[in-house]
Each structure stands twice: as structure tokens, then as C-alpha cells.
Protein backbone atom coordinates (compact mmCIF):
# COMPACT_ATOMS: atom_id res chain seq x y z
CA MET A 1 177.72 201.68 87.35
CA LYS A 2 177.83 201.84 83.56
CA ASP A 3 175.60 204.95 83.47
CA LYS A 4 177.68 206.57 86.21
CA ASN A 5 180.88 205.96 84.26
CA LYS A 6 179.32 207.45 81.13
CA LEU A 7 178.24 210.53 83.05
CA ILE A 8 181.80 210.95 84.30
CA GLN A 9 183.07 210.67 80.70
CA ILE A 10 180.58 213.30 79.52
CA LEU A 11 181.52 215.73 82.27
CA ASP A 12 185.22 215.11 81.62
CA LEU A 13 184.72 215.84 77.92
CA ALA A 14 182.86 219.08 78.71
CA ASP A 15 185.64 220.12 81.10
CA THR A 16 188.27 219.30 78.47
CA CYS A 17 186.48 221.54 75.97
CA ILE A 18 186.19 224.38 78.50
CA ARG A 19 189.93 224.26 79.18
CA ALA A 20 191.10 223.63 75.59
CA SER A 21 192.77 226.04 73.20
CA SER A 22 192.12 225.78 69.47
CA ASP A 23 195.46 224.07 68.82
CA SER A 24 195.36 220.86 66.80
CA ASP A 25 196.57 218.67 69.66
CA ALA A 26 193.76 219.91 71.90
CA ILE A 27 191.15 219.25 69.19
CA SER A 28 192.53 215.75 68.60
CA ASN A 29 192.21 215.07 72.32
CA ILE A 30 188.59 216.24 72.27
CA LEU A 31 187.80 213.95 69.34
CA GLU A 32 189.43 210.98 71.06
CA LYS A 33 187.30 211.52 74.16
CA THR A 34 184.21 212.02 72.02
CA ASN A 35 184.93 208.73 70.28
CA GLU A 36 184.69 206.95 73.64
CA LEU A 37 181.09 208.14 73.89
CA ILE A 38 180.08 208.12 70.22
CA PRO A 39 181.81 205.25 68.34
CA PHE A 40 182.46 207.08 65.06
CA GLU A 41 184.75 205.80 62.30
CA ALA A 42 185.79 209.25 61.07
CA ALA A 43 185.10 212.82 62.10
CA THR A 44 185.01 216.28 60.55
CA LEU A 45 184.87 219.57 62.40
CA ALA A 46 184.33 222.57 60.15
CA ILE A 47 184.22 226.23 61.08
CA ASP A 48 183.03 229.46 59.54
CA THR A 49 183.25 233.08 60.67
CA ASN A 50 179.60 233.63 59.71
CA ALA A 51 176.51 232.35 61.50
CA ASP A 52 175.15 231.25 58.12
CA PHE A 53 177.55 228.38 57.61
CA SER A 54 179.11 227.68 54.23
CA LEU A 55 181.88 225.22 53.41
CA THR A 56 184.06 226.22 50.48
CA ALA A 57 187.71 225.63 51.47
CA LYS A 58 189.78 222.85 53.02
CA GLN A 59 191.28 225.27 55.52
CA GLN A 60 187.89 225.33 57.24
CA ILE A 61 188.02 221.68 58.26
CA PHE A 62 189.75 219.57 60.88
CA THR A 63 189.41 215.82 60.29
CA GLN A 64 190.20 212.51 61.94
CA ASN A 65 190.46 209.28 59.92
CA LEU A 66 188.68 210.88 56.97
CA SER A 67 189.85 209.73 53.52
CA GLU A 68 192.19 212.26 51.88
CA ASP A 69 190.89 211.13 48.49
CA TRP A 70 187.33 211.99 49.52
CA GLN A 71 188.41 215.43 50.74
CA GLU A 72 190.13 216.16 47.41
CA ILE A 73 187.13 214.97 45.42
CA TYR A 74 184.69 216.88 47.63
CA PHE A 75 186.36 220.24 47.08
CA GLN A 76 187.48 219.71 43.49
CA ARG A 77 183.93 218.88 42.41
CA LYS A 78 182.41 221.48 44.74
CA PHE A 79 180.12 218.92 46.33
CA PHE A 80 179.45 221.44 49.09
CA ASN A 81 176.99 223.03 46.65
CA GLN A 82 174.76 219.97 46.72
CA ASP A 83 175.63 218.21 49.98
CA PRO A 84 172.25 217.31 51.54
CA ILE A 85 173.80 217.16 55.02
CA LEU A 86 174.85 220.82 54.84
CA SER A 87 171.35 221.79 53.74
CA ALA A 88 169.73 219.75 56.49
CA VAL A 89 171.84 221.02 59.40
CA SER A 90 171.30 224.62 58.33
CA ASN A 91 167.58 224.27 59.02
CA THR A 92 167.67 222.74 62.49
CA ASP A 93 169.45 222.94 65.84
CA SER A 94 169.14 219.17 66.30
CA ALA A 95 171.37 216.33 65.15
CA VAL A 96 170.79 215.18 61.59
CA ASP A 97 170.85 211.53 60.54
CA TRP A 98 172.52 211.25 57.13
CA ARG A 99 170.15 208.66 55.72
CA SER A 100 167.16 210.82 56.57
CA ALA A 101 168.76 213.92 55.04
CA VAL A 102 169.65 212.15 51.79
CA SER A 103 166.23 210.55 51.44
CA GLN A 104 164.53 213.95 51.76
CA SER A 105 166.79 215.75 49.30
CA GLU A 106 165.83 216.12 45.64
CA ASN A 107 168.95 217.89 44.37
CA VAL A 108 171.64 215.28 44.94
CA SER A 109 173.44 213.87 41.91
CA SER A 110 174.04 210.16 41.53
CA ASP A 111 177.75 211.05 41.32
CA PHE A 112 177.67 212.52 44.83
CA LYS A 113 175.64 209.62 46.21
CA ASN A 114 177.92 206.96 44.72
CA LEU A 115 181.19 208.61 45.72
CA SER A 116 180.10 209.60 49.23
CA GLU A 117 178.85 206.07 49.88
CA LYS A 118 182.14 204.67 48.58
CA TYR A 119 184.38 206.85 50.73
CA VAL A 120 182.37 207.55 53.90
CA GLY A 121 179.34 205.28 53.76
CA SER A 122 175.68 206.13 54.29
CA ASP A 123 175.47 206.36 58.08
CA GLY A 124 176.45 209.41 60.06
CA LEU A 125 175.40 212.17 62.40
CA SER A 126 175.92 215.90 61.91
CA ILE A 127 174.98 219.04 63.80
CA LEU A 128 175.54 222.75 63.25
CA VAL A 129 176.03 225.32 66.00
CA LYS A 130 175.36 228.94 65.01
CA ALA A 131 176.23 232.10 66.91
CA ASP A 132 177.11 235.74 66.24
CA VAL A 133 180.82 234.90 66.24
CA GLY A 134 180.39 232.19 63.60
CA SER A 135 179.31 228.59 63.17
CA THR A 136 180.72 225.11 63.74
CA LEU A 137 179.79 221.84 62.07
CA LEU A 138 180.36 218.48 63.76
CA SER A 139 180.03 215.49 61.49
CA PHE A 140 180.68 211.84 62.37
CA VAL A 141 180.85 208.82 60.08
CA MET A 142 179.12 206.02 61.97
CA PRO A 143 179.24 202.23 61.55
CA GLU A 144 176.28 200.97 59.56
CA GLY A 145 173.15 200.58 61.66
CA SER A 146 174.83 201.79 64.86
CA ILE A 147 173.12 205.16 65.42
CA THR A 148 170.92 205.40 68.50
CA PRO A 149 168.84 208.24 70.02
CA GLU A 150 171.47 208.47 72.75
CA HIS A 151 174.13 209.29 70.15
CA SER A 152 171.99 212.17 68.88
CA GLN A 153 171.52 213.47 72.42
CA LEU A 154 175.25 213.27 73.08
CA ILE A 155 176.26 215.16 69.95
CA GLU A 156 173.68 217.83 70.74
CA TYR A 157 175.21 218.25 74.20
CA ILE A 158 178.82 218.18 73.01
CA ALA A 159 178.47 220.49 70.00
CA PRO A 160 178.17 223.86 71.83
CA HIS A 161 181.25 223.03 73.92
CA VAL A 162 183.28 222.18 70.82
CA HIS A 163 182.02 225.34 69.11
CA GLU A 164 183.51 227.48 71.89
CA VAL A 165 186.94 225.88 71.50
CA PHE A 166 187.38 227.50 68.09
CA ASN A 167 186.75 230.94 69.59
CA ARG A 168 189.94 230.68 71.65
CA GLN A 169 193.58 231.38 70.91
CA GLY A 170 195.40 228.71 68.91
CA GLU A 171 196.24 227.67 65.39
CA ASN A 172 192.60 226.91 64.54
CA MET A 173 191.04 230.02 66.08
CA ARG A 174 187.88 230.95 64.18
CA ARG A 175 188.60 234.63 63.67
CA GLY A 176 191.97 233.73 62.16
CA LEU A 177 190.38 231.46 59.55
CA TRP A 178 190.89 233.83 56.63
CA GLN A 179 193.78 235.74 58.15
CA PRO A 180 196.40 237.26 55.81
CA ASN A 181 199.85 235.74 55.81
CA LEU A 182 202.20 238.29 57.36
CA SER A 183 205.91 237.56 57.49
CA ALA A 184 207.76 237.29 60.78
CA ARG A 185 209.39 240.68 60.19
CA GLU A 186 206.06 242.32 59.33
CA LEU A 187 204.62 240.99 62.57
CA GLU A 188 207.58 242.41 64.47
CA VAL A 189 207.04 245.82 62.90
CA LEU A 190 203.32 245.71 63.67
CA ASN A 191 203.88 244.65 67.27
CA TRP A 192 206.21 247.59 67.87
CA ALA A 193 203.71 249.93 66.19
CA LYS A 194 201.09 248.62 68.61
CA GLU A 195 203.42 249.74 71.44
CA GLY A 196 203.33 253.28 70.02
CA LYS A 197 206.78 253.25 68.42
CA SER A 198 207.46 255.53 65.45
CA ASN A 199 209.08 254.40 62.21
CA TRP A 200 212.38 255.79 63.49
CA ASP A 201 212.03 253.96 66.81
CA ILE A 202 211.27 250.68 65.03
CA SER A 203 214.24 251.11 62.69
CA LEU A 204 216.55 251.46 65.70
CA ILE A 205 215.00 248.54 67.60
CA LEU A 206 215.18 246.17 64.62
CA ALA A 207 218.47 247.55 63.25
CA ILE A 208 216.99 248.29 59.83
CA SER A 209 216.57 251.52 57.89
CA GLU A 210 213.53 253.74 58.31
CA ARG A 211 212.90 253.27 54.61
CA THR A 212 212.68 249.50 55.16
CA VAL A 213 210.20 250.02 57.99
CA LYS A 214 208.02 252.07 55.62
CA PHE A 215 208.31 249.32 53.02
CA HIS A 216 207.09 246.76 55.58
CA PHE A 217 204.15 248.97 56.51
CA SER A 218 203.23 249.32 52.85
CA ASN A 219 203.08 245.53 52.52
CA ILE A 220 201.16 245.19 55.79
CA PHE A 221 198.53 247.69 54.63
CA LYS A 222 198.07 245.81 51.36
CA LYS A 223 197.78 242.39 53.01
CA LEU A 224 195.37 243.60 55.67
CA GLU A 225 193.48 245.83 53.20
CA VAL A 226 193.72 248.92 55.40
CA LEU A 227 194.85 252.52 54.97
CA ASN A 228 196.79 253.33 58.13
CA ARG A 229 198.54 252.01 61.24
CA SER A 230 195.55 252.17 63.55
CA GLN A 231 193.44 250.12 61.14
CA ALA A 232 196.29 247.66 60.63
CA ILE A 233 196.73 247.10 64.38
CA ALA A 234 192.99 246.70 64.92
CA ARG A 235 192.63 244.20 62.09
CA ALA A 236 195.71 242.23 63.14
CA ILE A 237 194.30 241.93 66.66
CA HIS A 238 190.95 240.81 65.22
CA TYR A 239 192.66 238.04 63.27
CA GLY A 240 194.74 237.04 66.26
CA LEU A 241 197.99 237.88 64.47
CA ILE A 242 199.09 240.03 67.40
CA SER A 243 197.86 240.10 70.99
CA VAL A 244 196.31 243.00 72.84
């Protein structure tokens, strides 16, 4: 009965991932269900828009119960440049045991070892999923001595499902990771441009001058690093700033 119940939990988690958007509430729900199968103490999900994963900014990560102090230290000291876990997961499709990764690394400073052990401990499991659309890292802080082969199998099964969640619409959508920050008015202007409206049309619709519309387009082009309307619309759709 125990195995049957676990199978039901696994299938329910997979179904939850398939139906989930990339909104924070949905991701929290996924982590809660994952925690019922893998008893982690803290979790980090990190995304990149490239298949060759790199972690350089806090905006890339979604965490649960992870020390804020450790996150600040990690990025301030650029520990991502020497993190043995990141190196290990980049070279395999399988789950990586933290202790094994650290023991095999020769380029880890004592500062990193001492601080990481203080804030997150020495036991954990991580896995990296790579695809053309980008990559996703799952990393779980585990209670000391608790990791089993079954935990590794579970994270290997779960990871591709979680990876797909970040490809969907929502506040944590992968392609919007580095998106420019357009104002609400700029988005309005761009949406009407997508509908084929001219500057004059947009000025009438929004009750602003045509000169102001041109000013908004000038700012939009700069933020999106494009030269014309067509490019701006295409790039905004790519980032998920406006819908098709």
C-alpha cells in the first residue's frame, strides 16, 4: 500500500507540473508536493535562457526555506564561479550528491566550504536539465545522512517536468528572465502597434498627443534594443511582454 500511495503522489506531482503556469504560487505548490516525496530542508530552482547553464544573478533563482544571508553572500562573493555543484551538474544528466561533488573538486576555497557548510550543510542533491530553450537547475538541501538511491531516481524523474513549467506563461517564465522593464503606458502603445494602429490612431485611442506616442516608441526601441516597430513587437512577444 505504501508503494502504491507513493506512485499516486509521483503521478499527481507530474500532473501538477503539466498543468502549472510559471507563477510563484504554482511553483511553491510543486515544491510542497516534491517535499512529500523528497524530504528536503530547503530548495533552489534556478533557470537560464541558455542550454549551457550559468548562475550569475538572484533573479534567476526561486527558493524555499533557503537562508537569505547565504543568498547574499553567494552572489556578493561570486561563489558561482567556484561552486563545485554547478561544475558537477554541467557534466552529467544524473543527480549529483553534494558530498561527492565537493570531494572531487580541486578548486574550492576553504571560505566557500566553511560558509556553505554553515548555511546549507554538506548534504544535498542537484540536477541540471538542458534543452534548446534553456536550462533548469533543481537543488535540494537534505538532512544529514538521509540521501538514498530512491531520492536520486525521484529527482531525475521530476526535473524534466519542473523544467517545462518555466517555459510557460507566468511571472517566472524563462524567456522573460532578462526582459526589459517597460512601463504600463509603453506596453499599451506597443499592444496597439501590434494591432496595426498608426501613431495617430494610438494618440486618439489613448487620448495623448502623437508627439507623445513617438516619444514612447523612442523609449521602447532603446529598452528593447531595436530599430523599428516590427522588431519591437517581435522582441516584446519573445519576452512575453505582450501576447500574440
